Amino acid sequence: MKKLINDVSTVVDDMIDGLVRSVDGLSRIAGERVIVRADLDAIRSSGQVALVSGGGSGHEPAHAGYVGAGMLTAAVCGDVFTSPSTDAVLAAIRAVGGPDGVLLIVKSYTGDRLNFGLAAEIARAEGIPVEMVIVADDVSLATGSDTAGRRGIAGTVLVHKVAGAAAAAGKPLDEVAELARRVIGSVGSMGVGLSPCTVPAAGRPGFSLADHEVEFGLGIHGEPGVRRDRLQPASALVSTVIGRIFEDRGIKAGDRVALLVNNLGATPSMEMSIVAGEAVRAAEALGVRVSRMWTGAFLTALDMAGFSLSALVVDDELLGLLDARTSASAWPVSAAPLSLSAPVVVPVPNTESARRGGEGDGMLVAAIEAAAKALIADEPRLTALDQAVGDGDLGLNLARGSQAILAELDDYRHLDRSAALRRLSATVRKSVGGTSGVLYAVGLMSAAAAVERGKGGEVAWGEALKAAADAVARLGDARVGDRTMLDALVPAVEALEVEGNDARGALAAAIQAAAAGATATASITSRRGRSSYLGDRAVGHPDPGAEAVVVWLSAIGRAIAPKSA
């Protein structure tokens, strides 16, 4: 287990210390794991209802991240995945409770209900007005099942926001509590786990999932869900979750909803954005309008990969409370109405129109097709080579570009040679990421220019390839011996020049020279490219960019050699 901690016994205290030091306006109660607003005296004299929530730690930023004007007044932190004690909750109530009372917002777990409930009873006996609401938004569990009841999960954050805004607006305790109960009665949530989480004190994952498995409806402590299923595309996973929430909460066509798209802790932002987009599409497919949506880590489960979705039916009053300002550090700054702007279309000059019509160069089309198919077939090997010396994306990038080229292959049949090369350059530029995309694009563009200069006479493909290699060298600031694609490309150009008019022999020599150049890169310490960061550690592995040149050049040779005899 690798964790950025000091000692498993001090994890929560160290976390609280770091939070109050790094977030303005927060303090803690001496001797307690309770985070409070630093302006407590002003709050007690302001006539505002105080809001207290909390629970086990490990769900950050919940709940301490929601302490601030417009949301919580205090958050009580238990040990990891463990309810805080009654005395800690009572300390929070005593610290924030004034004559206008305290609202406790509690997730539906047995330990939380008991400890917060007992603290509320003691506080009332001391003369502090206290109301308590229980959040049980997990729709994956049926009501009335033989369990401890529905769990409180990420929908709790929306209760914090609405109740906190109502309290900040000066509403009395009974009205704030009623608004909280209204949200609780409407909000539904469900999660999908892709991996388990690891509690620091345990030092190992709490459960196991196979690489092809996901868990539907699991709890925020890693409790089992309703079922395990095979990993599916994000669209299918999201559609299942949205359908379950809408069915359970009675959300129907014509309703307006606010969506909370929650990262369970270890899901990349890229994937969360994909989930967010699919959530809107799934809701709209059912005729439901998404009026607000927030995406991020709101209530997590340590390092669990996966997501949860929460949906709340809204009206103008609830939207106003959700949009109200808050200083809580974990609530997103933006709360603008959700709208989808039309994509901006940039006009692109048509450089092919004058060169269309009739038949193109059949041999060139055959060469393009062969090269693209060869790069797709060799993707696993090129990827493995790049993983050894780079970032592992070369094979995937070239395969992606090759797929894009094959999808446009029919267009090439009606383009002359220079237009076809320019089209290749544009396709590669758009579809191949990273350095390779840029270098191949500039090489193809320069080759097209060389072909154009040779119009009126027989096209010299050796000259076109030399122009491409020169352009790659200029833009990439590289030369032979730098452990790049040039180590294969330049020897191939030189072999073509030496062989002269013997087309078959020239091509065979070029392929042989490229292969020898690529093999030689295994003994070179890189000066350019991703491998340059590895120094001598890259030695022993051939450069994947040079190997890719051999792949497509060999494929071209097999495709056109009989015709060039």
Protein backbone atom coordinates (compact mmCIF):
# COMPACT_ATOMS: atom_id res chain seq x y z
CA MET A 1 0.00 0.00 0.00
CA LYS A 2 1.30 3.44 -0.94
CA LYS A 3 -0.30 6.35 0.92
CA LEU A 4 0.90 9.91 1.49
CA ILE A 5 0.48 9.72 5.25
CA ASN A 6 2.65 9.97 8.34
CA ASP A 7 1.10 7.33 10.56
CA VAL A 8 -2.17 5.43 10.22
CA SER A 9 -3.16 6.47 13.74
CA THR A 10 -2.92 10.20 12.96
CA VAL A 11 -4.43 10.30 9.47
CA VAL A 12 -7.60 12.19 10.43
CA ASP A 13 -5.88 14.67 12.75
CA ASP A 14 -3.20 15.39 10.14
CA MET A 15 -5.88 15.88 7.50
CA ILE A 16 -7.80 18.34 9.70
CA ASP A 17 -4.62 20.25 10.50
CA GLY A 18 -3.75 20.61 6.83
CA LEU A 19 -7.25 21.70 5.91
CA VAL A 20 -7.58 24.47 8.51
CA ARG A 21 -4.10 25.72 7.60
CA SER A 22 -4.84 25.84 3.89
CA VAL A 23 -8.45 27.12 3.75
CA ASP A 24 -9.20 30.63 4.93
CA GLY A 25 -12.08 31.00 7.37
CA LEU A 26 -11.83 27.56 8.99
CA SER A 27 -10.88 26.63 12.54
CA ARG A 28 -11.20 23.58 14.77
CA ILE A 29 -12.50 22.93 18.23
CA ALA A 30 -9.61 22.32 20.61
CA GLY A 31 -9.30 18.64 21.47
CA GLU A 32 -11.99 17.56 19.02
CA ARG A 33 -12.08 16.45 15.40
CA VAL A 34 -14.55 19.19 14.57
CA ILE A 35 -14.00 21.83 11.89
CA VAL A 36 -15.97 25.06 12.35
CA ARG A 37 -16.31 28.44 10.71
CA ALA A 38 -13.82 30.85 12.24
CA ASP A 39 -16.50 33.55 12.62
CA LEU A 40 -18.60 31.59 15.13
CA ASP A 41 -19.29 34.58 17.40
CA ALA A 42 -20.74 36.55 14.49
CA ILE A 43 -22.89 33.59 13.42
CA ARG A 44 -24.38 33.08 16.89
CA SER A 45 -25.34 36.74 17.10
CA SER A 46 -26.62 36.99 13.52
CA GLY A 47 -29.90 35.16 14.02
CA GLN A 48 -28.93 32.39 11.61
CA VAL A 49 -29.66 28.70 12.04
CA ALA A 50 -26.42 26.69 12.36
CA LEU A 51 -25.89 23.58 10.24
CA VAL A 52 -23.85 20.60 11.45
CA SER A 53 -23.04 17.47 9.45
CA GLY A 54 -20.28 14.90 9.38
CA GLY A 55 -19.50 11.23 9.59
CA GLY A 56 -16.57 8.97 8.99
CA SER A 57 -13.51 10.42 7.30
CA GLY A 58 -12.30 9.15 3.94
CA HIS A 59 -15.07 10.88 1.96
CA GLU A 60 -13.26 14.16 1.43
CA PRO A 61 -14.10 16.85 0.59
CA ALA A 62 -17.21 15.79 2.51
CA HIS A 63 -17.94 17.07 4.96
CA ALA A 64 -15.38 19.60 6.05
CA GLY A 65 -15.08 21.02 2.55
CA TYR A 66 -18.64 22.30 2.85
CA VAL A 67 -18.01 24.39 5.95
CA GLY A 68 -18.44 28.03 5.02
CA ALA A 69 -20.93 30.85 4.64
CA GLY A 70 -23.98 29.55 2.82
CA MET A 71 -23.44 25.89 3.72
CA LEU A 72 -22.30 24.13 6.92
CA THR A 73 -21.32 25.80 10.14
CA ALA A 74 -19.44 22.78 11.43
CA ALA A 75 -18.37 19.30 10.30
CA VAL A 76 -17.63 16.43 12.68
CA CYS A 77 -14.94 13.99 11.51
CA GLY A 78 -14.84 10.40 12.70
CA ASP A 79 -12.09 7.91 12.06
CA VAL A 80 -11.88 6.60 8.49
CA PHE A 81 -15.27 5.09 7.60
CA THR A 82 -16.30 5.27 11.27
CA SER A 83 -19.01 7.41 12.84
CA PRO A 84 -17.82 10.26 15.07
CA SER A 85 -18.55 9.90 18.78
CA THR A 86 -21.56 11.39 20.52
CA ASP A 87 -19.29 13.71 22.48
CA ALA A 88 -17.67 15.07 19.30
CA VAL A 89 -21.09 15.81 17.79
CA LEU A 90 -22.22 17.39 21.04
CA ALA A 91 -19.10 19.59 21.10
CA ALA A 92 -19.99 20.84 17.62
CA ILE A 93 -23.59 21.59 18.62
CA ARG A 94 -22.48 23.47 21.74
CA ALA A 95 -19.93 25.47 19.75
CA VAL A 96 -22.32 26.68 17.04
CA GLY A 97 -25.71 26.52 18.74
CA GLY A 98 -27.40 29.79 19.52
CA PRO A 99 -31.00 30.75 20.26
CA ASP A 100 -31.97 30.20 16.61
CA GLY A 101 -31.07 26.53 16.80
CA VAL A 102 -29.08 23.88 15.00
CA LEU A 103 -29.98 21.56 12.12
CA LEU A 104 -28.14 18.22 12.04
CA ILE A 105 -27.82 16.68 8.55
CA VAL A 106 -27.04 12.99 8.96
CA LYS A 107 -26.39 10.25 6.41
CA SER A 108 -28.41 7.10 6.98
CA TYR A 109 -25.87 4.82 8.63
CA THR A 110 -26.60 3.20 11.96
CA GLY A 111 -23.59 4.67 13.79
CA ASP A 112 -24.26 8.18 12.48
CA ARG A 113 -27.95 8.07 13.34
CA LEU A 114 -27.26 6.85 16.88
CA ASN A 115 -24.40 9.23 17.73
CA PHE A 116 -25.95 12.33 16.16
CA GLY A 117 -29.34 11.38 17.62
CA LEU A 118 -28.05 11.01 21.17
CA ALA A 119 -26.09 14.26 20.89
CA ALA A 120 -29.29 16.00 19.73
CA GLU A 121 -31.19 14.71 22.76
CA ILE A 122 -28.52 15.92 25.18
CA ALA A 123 -28.34 19.32 23.47
CA ARG A 124 -32.11 19.76 23.65
CA ALA A 125 -31.98 18.95 27.37
CA GLU A 126 -29.43 21.75 27.69
CA GLY A 127 -31.84 24.18 26.05
CA ILE A 128 -30.41 24.26 22.50
CA PRO A 129 -33.09 23.96 19.78
CA VAL A 130 -32.04 21.06 17.55
CA GLU A 131 -33.66 19.44 14.52
CA MET A 132 -32.23 16.37 12.77
CA VAL A 133 -32.82 15.13 9.23
CA ILE A 134 -31.68 11.79 7.79
CA VAL A 135 -30.50 11.51 4.18
CA ALA A 136 -31.18 8.14 2.52
CA ASP A 137 -30.75 8.84 -1.20
CA ASP A 138 -29.22 5.53 -2.40
CA VAL A 139 -31.84 4.19 -4.83
CA SER A 140 -29.91 0.98 -5.46
CA LEU A 141 -31.45 -0.46 -2.30
CA ALA A 142 -35.17 -1.12 -2.27
CA THR A 143 -37.19 0.43 0.53
CA GLY A 144 -38.31 -2.06 3.12
CA SER A 145 -35.57 -4.55 2.24
CA ASP A 146 -33.96 -6.76 4.86
CA THR A 147 -31.07 -4.36 5.37
CA ALA A 148 -30.26 -1.43 7.63
CA GLY A 149 -32.14 0.73 5.15
CA ARG A 150 -31.15 2.99 2.32
CA ARG A 151 -27.78 4.63 2.69
CA GLY A 152 -26.95 8.30 2.56
CA ILE A 153 -24.50 9.06 -0.22
CA ALA A 154 -23.61 11.99 -2.50
CA GLY A 155 -27.10 13.49 -2.59
CA THR A 156 -26.32 14.66 0.95
CA VAL A 157 -24.24 17.47 -0.56
CA LEU A 158 -27.32 18.94 -2.28
CA VAL A 159 -29.11 18.91 1.09
CA HIS A 160 -26.18 20.85 2.57
CA LYS A 161 -26.41 23.42 -0.22
CA VAL A 162 -30.15 24.04 -0.10
CA ALA A 163 -30.39 24.07 3.71
CA GLY A 164 -27.26 26.21 4.01
CA ALA A 165 -28.61 28.81 1.59
CA ALA A 166 -31.94 28.87 3.42
CA ALA A 167 -30.19 29.39 6.76
CA ALA A 168 -28.02 32.16 5.29
CA ALA A 169 -31.19 33.85 4.05
CA GLY A 170 -32.43 34.03 7.65
CA LYS A 171 -35.15 31.38 7.53
CA PRO A 172 -36.13 29.92 10.92
CA LEU A 173 -35.15 26.42 12.02
CA ASP A 174 -38.45 24.75 11.13
CA GLU A 175 -38.39 26.15 7.58
CA VAL A 176 -34.76 25.23 7.03
CA ALA A 177 -35.49 21.70 8.24
CA GLU A 178 -38.56 21.46 6.02
CA LEU A 179 -36.57 22.50 2.94
CA ALA A 180 -33.93 19.91 3.83
CA ARG A 181 -36.62 17.22 4.11
CA ARG A 182 -38.07 18.32 0.78
CA VAL A 183 -34.72 17.74 -0.93
CA ILE A 184 -34.27 14.44 0.90
CA GLY A 185 -37.66 13.28 -0.33
CA SER A 186 -36.80 14.03 -3.95
CA VAL A 187 -33.10 13.39 -4.46
CA GLY A 188 -31.89 10.00 -5.65
CA SER A 189 -28.35 8.71 -6.10
CA MET A 190 -26.58 5.60 -7.34
CA GLY A 191 -22.94 4.67 -7.79
CA VAL A 192 -20.85 2.44 -10.03
CA GLY A 193 -17.50 1.17 -8.75
CA LEU A 194 -14.61 0.18 -11.02
CA SER A 195 -12.16 -0.64 -8.24
CA PRO A 196 -12.11 -1.10 -4.47
CA CYS A 197 -10.80 1.40 -1.95
CA THR A 198 -8.02 0.88 0.59
CA VAL A 199 -8.49 1.98 4.20
CA PRO A 200 -5.09 3.17 5.52
CA ALA A 201 -5.34 1.12 8.71
CA ALA A 202 -6.20 -2.04 6.77
CA GLY A 203 -3.47 -1.59 4.18
CA ARG A 204 -5.23 -3.64 1.52
CA PRO A 205 -8.29 -3.27 -0.74
CA GLY A 206 -11.60 -3.89 0.96
CA PHE A 207 -12.87 -6.16 -1.84
CA SER A 208 -11.82 -7.29 -5.29
CA LEU A 209 -13.14 -6.72 -8.79
CA ALA A 210 -11.88 -8.47 -11.90
CA ASP A 211 -10.58 -6.27 -14.71
CA HIS A 212 -13.79 -6.78 -16.69
CA GLU A 213 -16.17 -6.22 -13.75
CA VAL A 214 -17.99 -3.24 -12.26
CA GLU A 215 -20.17 -3.04 -9.15
CA PHE A 216 -23.56 -1.34 -9.48
CA GLY A 217 -24.99 0.43 -6.46
CA LEU A 218 -22.12 0.00 -4.04
CA GLY A 219 -21.86 2.05 -0.85
CA ILE A 220 -19.33 4.76 -0.09
CA HIS A 221 -17.40 2.44 2.26
CA GLY A 222 -17.09 -0.28 -0.34
CA GLU A 223 -20.24 -2.11 0.79
CA PRO A 224 -21.53 -4.48 -1.89
CA GLY A 225 -23.89 -3.14 -4.52
CA VAL A 226 -26.97 -4.67 -6.04
CA ARG A 227 -25.04 -6.63 -8.65
CA ARG A 228 -21.80 -7.11 -10.49
CA ASP A 229 -21.72 -6.82 -14.24
CA ARG A 230 -19.30 -6.64 -17.10
CA LEU A 231 -17.62 -3.35 -17.87
CA GLN A 232 -19.60 -1.52 -20.53
CA PRO A 233 -19.15 1.77 -22.41
CA ALA A 234 -19.74 4.85 -20.27
CA SER A 235 -22.97 5.57 -22.14
CA ALA A 236 -24.47 2.22 -21.11
CA LEU A 237 -23.37 2.51 -17.47
CA VAL A 238 -24.73 6.05 -17.15
CA SER A 239 -28.00 5.18 -18.90
CA THR A 240 -28.58 2.32 -16.44
CA VAL A 241 -27.94 4.56 -13.43
CA ILE A 242 -30.06 7.46 -14.71
CA GLY A 243 -32.91 5.08 -15.56
CA ARG A 244 -32.84 3.57 -12.05
CA ILE A 245 -32.79 6.96 -10.31
CA PHE A 246 -35.58 8.44 -12.44
CA GLU A 247 -37.77 5.37 -12.01
CA ASP A 248 -37.30 5.28 -8.24
CA ARG A 249 -37.80 9.01 -7.72
CA GLY A 250 -40.70 9.30 -10.16
CA ILE A 251 -38.82 11.74 -12.38
CA LYS A 252 -40.71 12.03 -15.65
CA ALA A 253 -40.66 13.79 -18.99
CA GLY A 254 -41.08 17.54 -18.57
CA ASP A 255 -39.40 17.67 -15.14
CA ARG A 256 -36.40 19.87 -14.45
CA VAL A 257 -33.49 18.35 -12.53
CA ALA A 258 -30.15 19.27 -11.02
CA LEU A 259 -27.47 16.62 -11.51
CA LEU A 260 -24.47 15.99 -9.29
CA VAL A 261 -21.85 13.94 -11.15
CA ASN A 262 -19.58 12.67 -8.40
CA ASN A 263 -16.08 11.20 -8.62
CA LEU A 264 -15.73 8.34 -6.13
CA GLY A 265 -12.09 9.29 -5.63
CA ALA A 266 -9.76 7.92 -8.28
CA THR A 267 -11.48 8.52 -11.60
CA PRO A 268 -9.57 10.75 -14.06
CA SER A 269 -11.15 14.10 -14.89
CA MET A 270 -11.28 13.05 -18.54
CA GLU A 271 -13.56 10.13 -17.70
CA MET A 272 -15.70 12.25 -15.39
CA SER A 273 -16.35 14.70 -18.24
CA ILE A 274 -17.40 11.78 -20.44
CA VAL A 275 -19.78 10.60 -17.70
CA ALA A 276 -21.19 14.13 -17.35
CA GLY A 277 -21.92 14.38 -21.05
CA GLU A 278 -23.59 10.97 -21.08
CA ALA A 279 -25.69 11.91 -18.02
CA VAL A 280 -27.16 14.91 -19.83
CA ARG A 281 -27.83 12.84 -22.94
CA ALA A 282 -29.49 10.05 -20.92
CA ALA A 283 -31.74 12.54 -19.09
CA GLU A 284 -32.71 14.37 -22.26
CA ALA A 285 -33.50 11.06 -23.98
CA LEU A 286 -36.16 10.56 -21.29
CA GLY A 287 -37.56 14.05 -21.85
CA VAL A 288 -36.07 15.50 -18.67
CA ARG A 289 -34.42 18.93 -18.75
CA VAL A 290 -31.10 19.28 -16.92
CA SER A 291 -31.21 22.79 -15.43
CA ARG A 292 -28.01 22.55 -13.38
CA MET A 293 -25.10 20.14 -13.30
CA TRP A 294 -21.93 20.00 -11.22
CA THR A 295 -19.08 17.58 -11.91
CA GLY A 296 -16.24 16.77 -9.53
CA ALA A 297 -15.24 15.02 -6.32
CA PHE A 298 -18.02 15.82 -3.83
CA LEU A 299 -18.29 12.74 -1.62
CA THR A 300 -15.64 10.11 -2.25
CA ALA A 301 -14.58 6.70 -1.02
CA LEU A 302 -10.83 7.18 -0.61
CA ASP A 303 -9.13 5.85 -3.76
CA MET A 304 -12.10 4.09 -5.31
CA ALA A 305 -12.44 4.47 -9.08
CA GLY A 306 -15.96 5.02 -10.30
CA PHE A 307 -18.75 7.56 -10.18
CA SER A 308 -22.13 8.26 -8.67
CA LEU A 309 -24.98 10.32 -10.05
CA SER A 310 -27.49 12.28 -7.98
CA ALA A 311 -30.65 13.79 -9.45
CA LEU A 312 -32.91 16.32 -7.74
CA VAL A 313 -36.19 17.61 -9.19
CA VAL A 314 -36.04 21.40 -8.98
CA ASP A 315 -38.29 24.42 -9.25
CA ASP A 316 -37.45 28.11 -9.20
CA GLU A 317 -37.19 28.19 -5.40
CA LEU A 318 -34.73 25.30 -5.21
CA LEU A 319 -32.71 26.63 -8.13
CA GLY A 320 -32.38 29.94 -6.32
CA LEU A 321 -31.04 28.20 -3.23
CA LEU A 322 -28.67 26.02 -5.26
CA ASP A 323 -27.39 29.12 -7.06
CA ALA A 324 -26.90 31.15 -3.87
CA ARG A 325 -23.32 32.15 -3.07
CA THR A 326 -21.25 30.14 -0.63
CA SER A 327 -17.67 30.40 0.59
CA ALA A 328 -17.39 26.63 1.17
CA SER A 329 -14.14 25.56 -0.48
CA ALA A 330 -15.46 22.33 -2.05
CA TRP A 331 -18.57 23.74 -3.72
CA PRO A 332 -17.94 24.72 -7.38
CA VAL A 333 -17.75 28.45 -8.00
CA SER A 334 -19.83 28.23 -11.18
CA ALA A 335 -23.55 27.70 -10.82
CA ALA A 336 -24.71 29.06 -14.17
CA PRO A 337 -27.77 27.62 -15.90
CA LEU A 338 -26.85 24.63 -18.05
CA SER A 339 -26.88 25.44 -21.74
CA LEU A 340 -25.35 23.85 -24.81
CA SER A 341 -23.78 26.36 -27.16
CA ALA A 342 -23.64 25.53 -30.85
CA PRO A 343 -20.14 24.50 -31.95
CA VAL A 344 -18.14 27.26 -33.63
CA VAL A 345 -17.49 26.41 -37.28
CA VAL A 346 -14.24 27.74 -38.73
CA PRO A 347 -14.17 27.91 -42.55
CA VAL A 348 -11.36 25.89 -44.09
CA PRO A 349 -10.11 26.67 -47.60
CA ASN A 350 -10.69 23.85 -50.09
CA THR A 351 -7.32 23.01 -51.57
CA GLU A 352 -8.54 19.89 -53.38
CA SER A 353 -11.40 21.11 -55.57
CA ALA A 354 -9.19 22.05 -58.48
CA ARG A 355 -7.48 18.70 -58.45
CA ARG A 356 -10.56 16.46 -58.34
CA GLY A 357 -12.15 14.60 -61.19
CA GLY A 358 -11.18 11.59 -63.25
CA GLU A 359 -8.95 8.88 -61.93
CA GLY A 360 -6.19 9.45 -59.40
CA ASP A 361 -2.95 7.54 -59.04
CA GLY A 362 -3.91 3.90 -58.43
CA MET A 363 -0.44 2.92 -57.31
CA LEU A 364 -0.39 5.72 -54.74
CA VAL A 365 -3.80 4.67 -53.40
CA ALA A 366 -2.57 1.09 -53.06
CA ALA A 367 0.51 2.32 -51.20
CA ILE A 368 -1.57 4.47 -48.83
CA GLU A 369 -3.93 1.59 -48.07
CA ALA A 370 -1.11 -0.88 -47.47
CA ALA A 371 0.79 1.47 -45.16
CA ALA A 372 -2.30 2.27 -43.10
CA LYS A 373 -3.28 -1.38 -42.67
CA ALA A 374 0.27 -2.32 -41.70
CA LEU A 375 0.43 0.34 -38.97
CA ILE A 376 -2.91 -0.84 -37.57
CA ALA A 377 -1.76 -4.46 -37.55
CA ASP A 378 1.54 -3.60 -35.87
CA GLU A 379 0.01 -1.30 -33.22
CA PRO A 380 0.57 -3.70 -30.26
CA ARG A 381 4.29 -4.07 -31.02
CA LEU A 382 4.82 -0.33 -31.58
CA THR A 383 2.90 0.44 -28.40
CA ALA A 384 5.04 -2.00 -26.40
CA LEU A 385 8.22 -0.47 -27.84
CA ASP A 386 7.05 3.03 -26.92
CA GLN A 387 6.06 1.94 -23.42
CA ALA A 388 9.65 0.82 -22.90
CA VAL A 389 11.21 4.15 -23.91
CA GLY A 390 8.43 6.74 -24.08
CA ASP A 391 4.88 7.41 -23.04
CA GLY A 392 3.35 4.41 -24.82
CA ASP A 393 1.10 6.28 -27.24
CA LEU A 394 2.93 5.98 -30.57
CA GLY A 395 1.31 2.77 -31.79
CA LEU A 396 -2.16 3.92 -30.75
CA ASN A 397 -1.69 7.33 -32.35
CA LEU A 398 -0.50 5.93 -35.67
CA ALA A 399 -3.26 3.32 -35.68
CA ARG A 400 -5.85 6.03 -35.03
CA GLY A 401 -4.51 8.08 -37.92
CA SER A 402 -4.48 5.02 -40.15
CA GLN A 403 -8.11 4.30 -39.38
CA ALA A 404 -8.99 7.87 -40.33
CA ILE A 405 -7.07 7.52 -43.60
CA LEU A 406 -8.80 4.24 -44.49
CA ALA A 407 -12.19 5.84 -43.82
CA GLU A 408 -11.39 8.43 -46.52
CA LEU A 409 -9.69 6.06 -48.97
CA ASP A 410 -12.33 6.39 -51.69
CA ASP A 411 -11.66 10.12 -51.86
CA TYR A 412 -8.04 9.50 -52.77
CA ARG A 413 -9.07 7.62 -55.90
CA HIS A 414 -10.15 10.94 -57.45
CA LEU A 415 -7.23 13.13 -56.37
CA ASP A 416 -4.00 13.75 -58.20
CA ARG A 417 -0.74 12.94 -56.47
CA SER A 418 0.00 16.26 -54.78
CA ALA A 419 -3.62 16.69 -53.68
CA ALA A 420 -3.63 13.18 -52.22
CA LEU A 421 -0.49 13.91 -50.20
CA ARG A 422 -1.95 17.18 -48.91
CA ARG A 423 -5.13 15.32 -47.94
CA LEU A 424 -3.01 12.78 -46.09
CA SER A 425 -1.21 15.58 -44.27
CA ALA A 426 -4.49 17.19 -43.19
CA THR A 427 -5.94 13.88 -41.99
CA VAL A 428 -2.84 13.00 -40.02
CA ARG A 429 -2.71 16.50 -38.52
CA LYS A 430 -6.25 16.11 -37.17
CA SER A 431 -6.18 12.47 -36.08
CA VAL A 432 -2.66 11.70 -34.86
CA GLY A 433 -1.74 13.28 -31.55
CA GLY A 434 1.60 14.24 -30.09
CA THR A 435 4.87 14.83 -31.86
CA SER A 436 4.33 12.13 -34.46
CA GLY A 437 1.22 13.77 -35.87
CA VAL A 438 2.99 17.07 -36.40
CA LEU A 439 6.10 15.54 -37.94
CA TYR A 440 4.22 13.25 -40.32
CA ALA A 441 1.93 16.11 -41.32
CA VAL A 442 4.80 18.45 -42.18
CA GLY A 443 6.63 15.65 -44.00
CA LEU A 444 3.62 14.82 -46.17
CA MET A 445 2.97 18.49 -46.89
CA SER A 446 6.57 18.98 -48.00
CA ALA A 447 6.39 15.83 -50.14
CA ALA A 448 3.26 17.25 -51.82
CA ALA A 449 5.11 20.46 -52.61
CA ALA A 450 8.00 18.47 -54.12
CA VAL A 451 5.56 16.52 -56.30
CA GLU A 452 4.01 19.76 -57.51
CA ARG A 453 7.40 21.17 -58.41
CA GLY A 454 8.03 18.08 -60.52
CA LYS A 455 4.84 18.42 -62.54
CA GLY A 456 5.35 18.30 -66.25
CA GLY A 457 7.82 15.48 -65.88
CA GLU A 458 7.87 12.10 -64.20
CA VAL A 459 7.44 12.41 -60.46
CA ALA A 460 10.58 11.41 -58.57
CA TRP A 461 9.34 9.79 -55.37
CA GLY A 462 12.86 9.80 -53.97
CA GLU A 463 12.84 13.60 -54.17
CA ALA A 464 9.46 13.72 -52.43
CA LEU A 465 10.70 11.47 -49.62
CA LYS A 466 13.85 13.59 -49.27
CA ALA A 467 11.74 16.74 -49.00
CA ALA A 468 9.70 15.05 -46.28
CA ALA A 469 12.80 13.99 -44.34
CA ASP A 470 14.32 17.48 -44.60
CA ALA A 471 11.11 19.07 -43.28
CA VAL A 472 10.95 16.64 -40.35
CA ALA A 473 14.58 17.39 -39.49
CA ARG A 474 14.01 21.16 -39.60
CA LEU A 475 10.83 21.20 -37.54
CA GLY A 476 11.98 18.56 -35.09
CA ASP A 477 15.49 20.01 -34.75
CA ALA A 478 16.88 16.52 -35.18
CA ARG A 479 19.39 14.62 -37.29
CA VAL A 480 20.53 11.05 -37.85
CA GLY A 481 21.95 9.69 -34.62
CA ASP A 482 19.43 11.44 -32.38
CA ARG A 483 17.36 8.26 -32.04
CA THR A 484 14.27 9.41 -33.95
CA MET A 485 12.32 8.43 -37.07
CA LEU A 486 15.07 10.14 -39.10
CA ASP A 487 17.41 7.25 -38.27
CA ALA A 488 15.29 5.10 -40.60
CA LEU A 489 13.95 7.75 -42.96
CA VAL A 490 17.25 9.37 -44.01
CA PRO A 491 19.03 6.07 -44.85
CA ALA A 492 16.00 5.12 -46.96
CA VAL A 493 16.27 8.41 -48.87
CA GLU A 494 19.99 7.92 -49.44
CA ALA A 495 19.44 4.38 -50.73
CA LEU A 496 16.85 5.61 -53.23
CA GLU A 497 19.32 8.21 -54.51
CA VAL A 498 22.10 5.65 -54.95
CA GLU A 499 20.00 3.11 -56.84
CA GLY A 500 18.73 5.72 -59.31
CA ASN A 501 16.44 4.39 -62.06
CA ASP A 502 16.16 0.78 -60.86
CA ALA A 503 12.80 1.22 -59.13
CA ARG A 504 12.54 -2.32 -57.77
CA GLY A 505 16.12 -2.35 -56.54
CA ALA A 506 15.86 1.17 -55.13
CA LEU A 507 12.78 0.33 -53.06
CA ALA A 508 14.29 -2.87 -51.71
CA ALA A 509 17.48 -1.03 -50.81
CA ALA A 510 15.53 1.75 -49.12
CA ILE A 511 13.62 -0.74 -46.96
CA GLN A 512 16.82 -2.57 -46.04
CA ALA A 513 18.55 0.71 -45.14
CA ALA A 514 15.60 1.87 -43.04
CA ALA A 515 15.53 -1.43 -41.13
CA ALA A 516 19.27 -1.25 -40.46
CA GLY A 517 18.92 2.35 -39.26
CA ALA A 518 16.07 1.46 -36.93
CA THR A 519 17.98 -1.49 -35.47
CA ALA A 520 20.99 0.74 -34.86
CA THR A 521 18.94 3.08 -32.64
CA ALA A 522 18.99 0.42 -29.92
CA SER A 523 22.59 1.38 -29.18
CA ILE A 524 22.02 5.15 -29.22
CA THR A 525 21.45 7.44 -26.23
CA SER A 526 18.63 9.72 -27.34
CA ARG A 527 19.08 13.48 -27.80
CA ARG A 528 15.53 14.22 -28.99
CA GLY A 529 12.04 12.93 -28.24
CA ARG A 530 10.57 11.31 -25.15
CA SER A 531 13.44 8.83 -24.91
CA SER A 532 15.86 11.70 -24.22
CA TYR A 533 14.54 11.87 -20.65
CA LEU A 534 15.60 8.27 -20.03
CA GLY A 535 19.26 8.66 -20.96
CA ASP A 536 21.08 5.33 -20.97
CA ARG A 537 17.96 3.47 -19.84
CA ALA A 538 16.65 3.63 -23.41
CA VAL A 539 19.70 1.80 -24.72
CA GLY A 540 18.86 -1.75 -25.78
CA HIS A 541 15.46 -0.80 -27.15
CA PRO A 542 15.03 0.34 -30.79
CA ASP A 543 13.36 3.70 -31.33
CA PRO A 544 9.63 3.10 -31.99
CA GLY A 545 9.41 6.06 -34.39
CA ALA A 546 12.15 4.58 -36.56
CA GLU A 547 10.50 1.15 -36.38
CA ALA A 548 7.23 2.69 -37.57
CA VAL A 549 9.00 4.01 -40.69
CA VAL A 550 10.14 0.47 -41.47
CA VAL A 551 6.57 -0.80 -41.05
CA TRP A 552 4.93 1.56 -43.52
CA LEU A 553 7.83 1.60 -45.97
CA SER A 554 7.89 -2.23 -46.08
CA ALA A 555 4.12 -2.30 -46.63
CA ILE A 556 4.46 0.12 -49.54
CA GLY A 557 7.18 -2.09 -51.00
CA ARG A 558 4.95 -5.17 -50.86
CA ALA A 559 2.04 -3.27 -52.41
CA ILE A 560 3.76 -1.66 -55.37
CA ALA A 561 7.00 -3.55 -56.02
CA PRO A 562 5.50 -5.83 -58.73
CA LYS A 563 4.12 -2.79 -60.54
CA SER A 564 7.40 -0.90 -60.38
CA ALA A 565 9.44 -3.58 -62.13
